[in-house]
Amino acid sequence: MNSQKHASTTPAAFMDRMWDFFASVRLSVVLLLSLAATSIIGTVIPQNADPSVYARKFGPDLYSVLDSLSIFNMYESWWFRLLLCLLVINLVVCSVRRLKATWKVIFPKKTHFNPERFKKAAGRIEWQVPDTPAGDLKDTIERYMQKRYFHVQTRQEDGSWWIFGERGRWTRLGVYGVHLSVVLLVIGGLIGSLFGFEGMMNVPEGEARRTITLRHSDETRQLDFSVRCDDFTVSHYPSGRPKEYRSDIAIMEDEKVVETHRLRVNDPLRYKGINIFQSSYGQNAAEAFTVVFTDTQSGMRFEKQGVMGETVDLPAGKGELTVEDFSGNFAFRGHNVGPAFLASLKPASGEQRPVLLPVNYPKFDRMRGGDYAISIEDVAYTYYTGLQVTRDPGVPLVYVSFALMILACYVTFFMFQQKIGIEVQDSDTGVRVAVGGISERKRPGIKTAVRRLAAKLQNQTNQRTAG
């Protein structure tokens, strides 16, 4: 009793139990259902949205629970990756367990052919060949079969010559090719998820940047090279909607240009395994501009030069104005007012207050009231180009897996193992030839293969008879 208990706790016994666990079909079903269910959740719940969206939709408490489970970034969560790893292990173990039996079929120690199976084969075709010795006809058919089939055997049995041929044993490996492609696909995805990155960088014209902000986070990453924007061009439709925008960029290492590229949408630059896409663009205001103060009573204009971040005095000591920020497309109460400056106004008497100054609407500030309406003029704009920077080292492996999957699926569904048995027997009217074929998977294609082979053999035997 104790010896049995001790045997069940040995490392070998533990490994056997683990092997049986990962070779279980039940585990495969559970993993596939789990991945399907979580994928549905990931489709129903938008991934990687702004946290405020989830907080409004689910409430603070439920949002905290779901966020702790990484439901909002599910495909990069540790538990989703764990499910994929378990599926890979399960698929590999199941394949290895079945491969031993399949290997014996592909490489048997001895090939066996049973004539009775070919006599009963569906789709068997017979015909007569007159005025030809059976032995000579057997030699003709044997030579033909040796050119087109492997494992050809010839033997005499019950007064008949039998020529057996077989090919396509290796097609049984097609399903293992499909399994391997799935494994490579998952591994490629995991490599990209663990070691790849995706981020954004804004590069003003004439400047260079090497820092990107990673997607869905405030983390940054330094590239091994700098990206300089030499020129940015945008064209518009008559409606004002952007038609095309492109960036002339240069890749720099050690202050030297190593590569240049004209970047367009869907025409990325690939450099050292990193992809750079044209993603967006925006406007930067020049540092200097003109601030116009218009007396609301007399209409008199006062112009002063402004500099971003510096304070400008209002006329007659009425206060101070500090221009603090700029937006190329500012939304005011749901309406896009275009380029606008954000300023802070501190009256001589009273509290400091924010002021919005849209460039295209110089009378906008009149709604505020006060002694002076403020507007901005003589703004020289420069553009910045928004670049999406990605790296996915698993992509080559994913492409290999796709190619392997297509090839393996073709082998699995359109190719098959063929066993052919040809009987050559003397008869009263000449020589009777019968062709039969069997397939271990009983595919309908074996009948087509038999018809084609019979037609070619009839042609061969007819030519010999005519000769």
Foldseek 3Di string as FASTA:
>chain_A
DVVVVVVCPDPVNVVVVVLCVLQDPVLLVVLVVVLVVLVVLCVVAPALDDLVVVCVVPNDVVSVVCVVVVSRVPCLDPVVLVSLVSNLSSLVSNCVVVVVVLVCQLPPPDDDDDVVCQVPFPLKDKDFFFPDDLVVLVVLVQVVQVVPFPPWDWDDDPQWIKIKGKDDSCLVCLVVLLSVLSSLQSVLVVQQSPPKFKFKDKAFAPGKDQWTQTRSDRDIDGDQWIKHFPDKDWDADPVRHTDWIWTWIFIGHPNDTDDIDIATAVRWDADPQKTKHQDFKFKDWDQKWKKWWAFPPPRDIDIDIGGAQDWDADPPRQWIKHFHDWGQWDADPNRTLGIWTKMWTDTPDDHIDIDIERAVCQCVQVVVPDRIRMHIGDIDMTMITMMMMIGRVSVVSNVVSVVSNVVSVCSNPPNFMKMKMWIWHADPRHIMIMIGIDGPVRDPVNSVVRVVSVVVSVVSSVVVVVD
